[in-house]
Amino acid sequence: MLHIVNKSPTDGTALDSALRLARSGALLLIEDGVYAAAQGNPAQAKIRDALGRLKVYVLAPDLEARGMADRLLDGVTSVDYGGFVDLVAEHPNCQSWL
């Protein structure tokens, strides 16, 4: 399953819910969700823990728009819009966490 989070880790519980329930598959961080993939953020430890069971991706244009392209956590893969489409096509089920 592909889990998609678009909220900042400090804005609600979307990221926490996704990480708690996602046992395998992939996590894609988009929009303000990309803050979770930046070094020095409050969710850094949670993302590092998740890397043990999930492939974690971040949408590159959203990361760049927020000026954080140079702060991406090790182990997190950056994808462009084509990569986003590939992830959706690759996973038979997608869950957007609001």
N, C-alpha and C. Protein backbone atom coordinates (compact mmCIF):
# COMPACT_ATOMS: atom_id res chain seq x y z
N MET A 1 0.84 -1.18 0.00
CA MET A 1 0.00 0.00 0.00
C MET A 1 0.89 1.24 0.00
N LEU A 2 0.42 2.26 -0.70
CA LEU A 2 1.08 3.55 -0.71
C LEU A 2 0.32 4.48 0.23
N HIS A 3 1.00 4.99 1.23
CA HIS A 3 0.42 5.92 2.19
C HIS A 3 0.90 7.32 1.80
N ILE A 4 -0.04 8.24 1.64
CA ILE A 4 0.30 9.60 1.20
C ILE A 4 -0.08 10.58 2.31
N VAL A 5 0.90 11.38 2.73
CA VAL A 5 0.68 12.37 3.79
C VAL A 5 1.01 13.75 3.24
N ASN A 6 0.05 14.67 3.37
CA ASN A 6 0.27 16.03 2.86
C ASN A 6 0.29 17.08 3.97
N LYS A 7 0.22 16.68 5.21
CA LYS A 7 0.20 17.62 6.33
C LYS A 7 1.56 17.65 7.04
N SER A 8 1.91 18.80 7.54
CA SER A 8 3.14 18.96 8.32
C SER A 8 3.05 18.07 9.57
N PRO A 9 4.19 17.55 10.03
CA PRO A 9 4.15 16.72 11.25
C PRO A 9 3.72 17.49 12.48
N THR A 10 3.73 18.82 12.41
CA THR A 10 3.29 19.63 13.55
C THR A 10 1.85 20.11 13.38
N ASP A 11 1.19 19.69 12.31
CA ASP A 11 -0.18 20.12 12.02
C ASP A 11 -1.11 18.91 12.02
N GLY A 12 -1.55 18.51 13.18
CA GLY A 12 -2.46 17.38 13.28
C GLY A 12 -1.76 16.06 13.45
N THR A 13 -2.51 14.99 13.21
CA THR A 13 -2.00 13.64 13.49
C THR A 13 -1.90 12.76 12.26
N ALA A 14 -1.98 13.32 11.07
CA ALA A 14 -1.96 12.51 9.85
C ALA A 14 -0.70 11.65 9.76
N LEU A 15 0.46 12.24 9.98
CA LEU A 15 1.70 11.48 9.89
C LEU A 15 1.76 10.40 10.97
N ASP A 16 1.42 10.75 12.18
CA ASP A 16 1.45 9.77 13.27
C ASP A 16 0.50 8.60 12.99
N SER A 17 -0.69 8.90 12.48
CA SER A 17 -1.65 7.84 12.17
C SER A 17 -1.12 6.93 11.07
N ALA A 18 -0.58 7.53 10.03
CA ALA A 18 -0.04 6.74 8.92
C ALA A 18 1.10 5.84 9.40
N LEU A 19 2.00 6.38 10.18
CA LEU A 19 3.14 5.60 10.66
C LEU A 19 2.72 4.51 11.64
N ARG A 20 1.70 4.77 12.42
CA ARG A 20 1.22 3.77 13.38
C ARG A 20 0.56 2.58 12.67
N LEU A 21 -0.15 2.84 11.58
CA LEU A 21 -0.92 1.79 10.93
C LEU A 21 -0.23 1.16 9.73
N ALA A 22 0.76 1.82 9.16
CA ALA A 22 1.46 1.29 8.00
C ALA A 22 2.51 0.28 8.43
N ARG A 23 2.28 -0.96 8.11
CA ARG A 23 3.22 -2.03 8.49
C ARG A 23 4.26 -2.31 7.40
N SER A 24 3.89 -2.02 6.16
CA SER A 24 4.80 -2.25 5.04
C SER A 24 4.33 -1.38 3.87
N GLY A 25 5.07 -1.43 2.79
CA GLY A 25 4.71 -0.64 1.63
C GLY A 25 5.55 0.61 1.53
N ALA A 26 4.89 1.71 1.19
CA ALA A 26 5.61 2.96 0.96
C ALA A 26 4.85 4.13 1.55
N LEU A 27 5.62 5.14 1.92
CA LEU A 27 5.08 6.40 2.43
C LEU A 27 5.57 7.50 1.50
N LEU A 28 4.63 8.30 0.99
CA LEU A 28 4.98 9.43 0.14
C LEU A 28 4.57 10.70 0.85
N LEU A 29 5.53 11.59 1.07
CA LEU A 29 5.28 12.87 1.71
C LEU A 29 5.18 13.94 0.63
N ILE A 30 4.03 14.65 0.63
CA ILE A 30 3.80 15.70 -0.36
C ILE A 30 3.37 16.98 0.36
N GLU A 31 3.31 18.08 -0.39
CA GLU A 31 2.90 19.38 0.14
C GLU A 31 3.64 19.66 1.46
N ASP A 32 2.93 20.06 2.52
CA ASP A 32 3.60 20.34 3.79
C ASP A 32 4.09 19.08 4.50
N GLY A 33 3.70 17.92 4.04
CA GLY A 33 4.19 16.67 4.60
C GLY A 33 5.69 16.50 4.42
N VAL A 34 6.26 17.20 3.45
CA VAL A 34 7.70 17.08 3.20
C VAL A 34 8.55 17.58 4.36
N TYR A 35 7.96 18.41 5.22
CA TYR A 35 8.72 18.87 6.39
C TYR A 35 9.19 17.69 7.24
N ALA A 36 8.45 16.61 7.25
CA ALA A 36 8.82 15.43 8.04
C ALA A 36 10.11 14.78 7.54
N ALA A 37 10.48 15.02 6.28
CA ALA A 37 11.66 14.40 5.69
C ALA A 37 12.90 15.28 5.78
N ALA A 38 12.80 16.40 6.48
CA ALA A 38 13.94 17.32 6.59
C ALA A 38 14.69 17.09 7.89
N GLN A 39 16.00 17.19 7.82
CA GLN A 39 16.84 17.08 9.01
C GLN A 39 16.46 18.17 10.00
N GLY A 40 16.43 17.80 11.27
CA GLY A 40 16.17 18.76 12.33
C GLY A 40 14.70 19.02 12.62
N ASN A 41 13.81 18.26 12.03
CA ASN A 41 12.39 18.47 12.30
C ASN A 41 11.93 17.57 13.45
N PRO A 42 10.80 17.88 14.07
CA PRO A 42 10.33 17.09 15.22
C PRO A 42 10.01 15.63 14.90
N ALA A 43 9.74 15.32 13.64
CA ALA A 43 9.37 13.95 13.26
C ALA A 43 10.56 13.14 12.74
N GLN A 44 11.74 13.68 12.82
CA GLN A 44 12.93 13.02 12.26
C GLN A 44 13.11 11.60 12.78
N ALA A 45 13.00 11.39 14.07
CA ALA A 45 13.18 10.05 14.64
C ALA A 45 12.09 9.10 14.16
N LYS A 46 10.88 9.57 14.02
CA LYS A 46 9.78 8.73 13.54
C LYS A 46 10.01 8.27 12.11
N ILE A 47 10.51 9.18 11.28
CA ILE A 47 10.80 8.82 9.88
C ILE A 47 11.95 7.82 9.83
N ARG A 48 12.97 8.04 10.62
CA ARG A 48 14.10 7.09 10.64
C ARG A 48 13.63 5.70 11.08
N ASP A 49 12.76 5.63 12.09
CA ASP A 49 12.21 4.35 12.52
C ASP A 49 11.38 3.70 11.42
N ALA A 50 10.61 4.50 10.72
CA ALA A 50 9.75 3.99 9.65
C ALA A 50 10.56 3.41 8.49
N LEU A 51 11.77 3.92 8.28
CA LEU A 51 12.60 3.43 7.18
C LEU A 51 12.94 1.94 7.32
N GLY A 52 12.79 1.41 8.52
CA GLY A 52 13.04 -0.02 8.72
C GLY A 52 11.96 -0.91 8.14
N ARG A 53 10.76 -0.36 7.92
CA ARG A 53 9.65 -1.18 7.41
C ARG A 53 8.97 -0.60 6.18
N LEU A 54 9.24 0.67 5.89
CA LEU A 54 8.61 1.35 4.75
C LEU A 54 9.66 1.98 3.86
N LYS A 55 9.35 2.06 2.58
CA LYS A 55 10.15 2.89 1.69
C LYS A 55 9.55 4.29 1.80
N VAL A 56 10.36 5.27 2.09
CA VAL A 56 9.87 6.63 2.29
C VAL A 56 10.32 7.50 1.11
N TYR A 57 9.33 8.19 0.53
CA TYR A 57 9.57 9.06 -0.61
C TYR A 57 9.08 10.46 -0.27
N VAL A 58 9.65 11.44 -0.96
CA VAL A 58 9.23 12.83 -0.82
C VAL A 58 9.10 13.41 -2.22
N LEU A 59 8.09 14.24 -2.43
CA LEU A 59 7.89 14.88 -3.72
C LEU A 59 8.87 16.05 -3.85
N ALA A 60 9.83 15.92 -4.76
CA ALA A 60 10.92 16.88 -4.91
C ALA A 60 10.45 18.32 -5.14
N PRO A 61 9.48 18.57 -6.03
CA PRO A 61 9.06 19.96 -6.22
C PRO A 61 8.52 20.61 -4.94
N ASP A 62 7.84 19.84 -4.09
CA ASP A 62 7.35 20.39 -2.83
C ASP A 62 8.49 20.65 -1.85
N LEU A 63 9.48 19.77 -1.84
CA LEU A 63 10.65 19.96 -0.99
C LEU A 63 11.43 21.20 -1.42
N GLU A 64 11.60 21.35 -2.73
CA GLU A 64 12.33 22.50 -3.26
C GLU A 64 11.57 23.80 -3.02
N ALA A 65 10.24 23.77 -3.16
CA ALA A 65 9.42 24.97 -2.96
C ALA A 65 9.52 25.49 -1.53
N ARG A 66 9.83 24.59 -0.60
CA ARG A 66 9.95 24.97 0.81
C ARG A 66 11.40 25.20 1.22
N GLY A 67 12.31 25.18 0.25
CA GLY A 67 13.72 25.48 0.51
C GLY A 67 14.44 24.43 1.33
N MET A 68 14.03 23.17 1.23
CA MET A 68 14.61 22.12 2.07
C MET A 68 15.28 21.00 1.29
N ALA A 69 15.54 21.21 0.02
CA ALA A 69 16.12 20.15 -0.80
C ALA A 69 17.48 19.69 -0.27
N ASP A 70 18.21 20.57 0.38
CA ASP A 70 19.53 20.21 0.89
C ASP A 70 19.48 19.64 2.31
N ARG A 71 18.28 19.44 2.86
CA ARG A 71 18.14 18.93 4.23
C ARG A 71 17.44 17.58 4.28
N LEU A 72 17.37 16.87 3.16
CA LEU A 72 16.68 15.60 3.09
C LEU A 72 17.38 14.54 3.95
N LEU A 73 16.59 13.84 4.75
CA LEU A 73 17.12 12.77 5.60
C LEU A 73 17.71 11.64 4.76
N ASP A 74 18.78 11.03 5.24
CA ASP A 74 19.36 9.86 4.57
C ASP A 74 18.33 8.74 4.55
N GLY A 75 18.24 8.06 3.43
CA GLY A 75 17.31 6.94 3.29
C GLY A 75 15.98 7.31 2.67
N VAL A 76 15.68 8.60 2.60
CA VAL A 76 14.44 9.08 1.99
C VAL A 76 14.74 9.37 0.52
N THR A 77 13.87 8.88 -0.36
CA THR A 77 14.06 9.03 -1.80
C THR A 77 13.20 10.17 -2.34
N SER A 78 13.82 11.03 -3.09
CA SER A 78 13.13 12.15 -3.71
C SER A 78 12.60 11.72 -5.09
N VAL A 79 11.34 12.05 -5.38
CA VAL A 79 10.75 11.72 -6.69
C VAL A 79 10.12 12.96 -7.29
N ASP A 80 10.07 12.98 -8.62
CA ASP A 80 9.39 14.07 -9.32
C ASP A 80 7.94 13.64 -9.56
N TYR A 81 7.20 14.44 -10.34
CA TYR A 81 5.79 14.10 -10.58
C TYR A 81 5.63 12.77 -11.31
N GLY A 82 6.54 12.49 -12.23
CA GLY A 82 6.51 11.20 -12.92
C GLY A 82 6.72 10.05 -11.95
N GLY A 83 7.60 10.25 -10.97
CA GLY A 83 7.84 9.25 -9.93
C GLY A 83 6.62 9.05 -9.05
N PHE A 84 5.89 10.14 -8.80
CA PHE A 84 4.64 10.07 -8.03
C PHE A 84 3.66 9.16 -8.77
N VAL A 85 3.51 9.39 -10.07
CA VAL A 85 2.60 8.57 -10.88
C VAL A 85 3.06 7.12 -10.86
N ASP A 86 4.35 6.88 -10.98
CA ASP A 86 4.88 5.51 -10.94
C ASP A 86 4.55 4.83 -9.62
N LEU A 87 4.68 5.55 -8.50
CA LEU A 87 4.36 4.97 -7.19
C LEU A 87 2.89 4.58 -7.10
N VAL A 88 2.01 5.44 -7.60
CA VAL A 88 0.58 5.14 -7.57
C VAL A 88 0.28 3.92 -8.43
N ALA A 89 0.91 3.84 -9.61
CA ALA A 89 0.69 2.70 -10.50
C ALA A 89 1.27 1.41 -9.93
N GLU A 90 2.35 1.52 -9.18
CA GLU A 90 3.04 0.37 -8.61
C GLU A 90 2.29 -0.25 -7.43
N HIS A 91 1.53 0.55 -6.73
CA HIS A 91 0.82 0.08 -5.53
C HIS A 91 -0.67 -0.05 -5.81
N PRO A 92 -1.22 -1.23 -5.64
CA PRO A 92 -2.64 -1.44 -5.97
C PRO A 92 -3.59 -0.64 -5.07
N ASN A 93 -3.14 -0.27 -3.88
CA ASN A 93 -3.96 0.50 -2.95
C ASN A 93 -3.19 1.73 -2.49
N CYS A 94 -3.92 2.85 -2.40
CA CYS A 94 -3.35 4.10 -1.91
C CYS A 94 -4.25 4.64 -0.81
N GLN A 95 -3.63 5.15 0.24
CA GLN A 95 -4.37 5.76 1.33
C GLN A 95 -3.84 7.15 1.57
N SER A 96 -4.68 8.15 1.39
CA SER A 96 -4.31 9.53 1.69
C SER A 96 -4.73 9.83 3.12
N TRP A 97 -3.78 10.30 3.91
CA TRP A 97 -4.03 10.61 5.31
C TRP A 97 -4.30 12.09 5.46
N LEU A 98 -5.47 12.42 5.95
CA LEU A 98 -5.89 13.83 6.06
C LEU A 98 -5.86 14.31 7.49
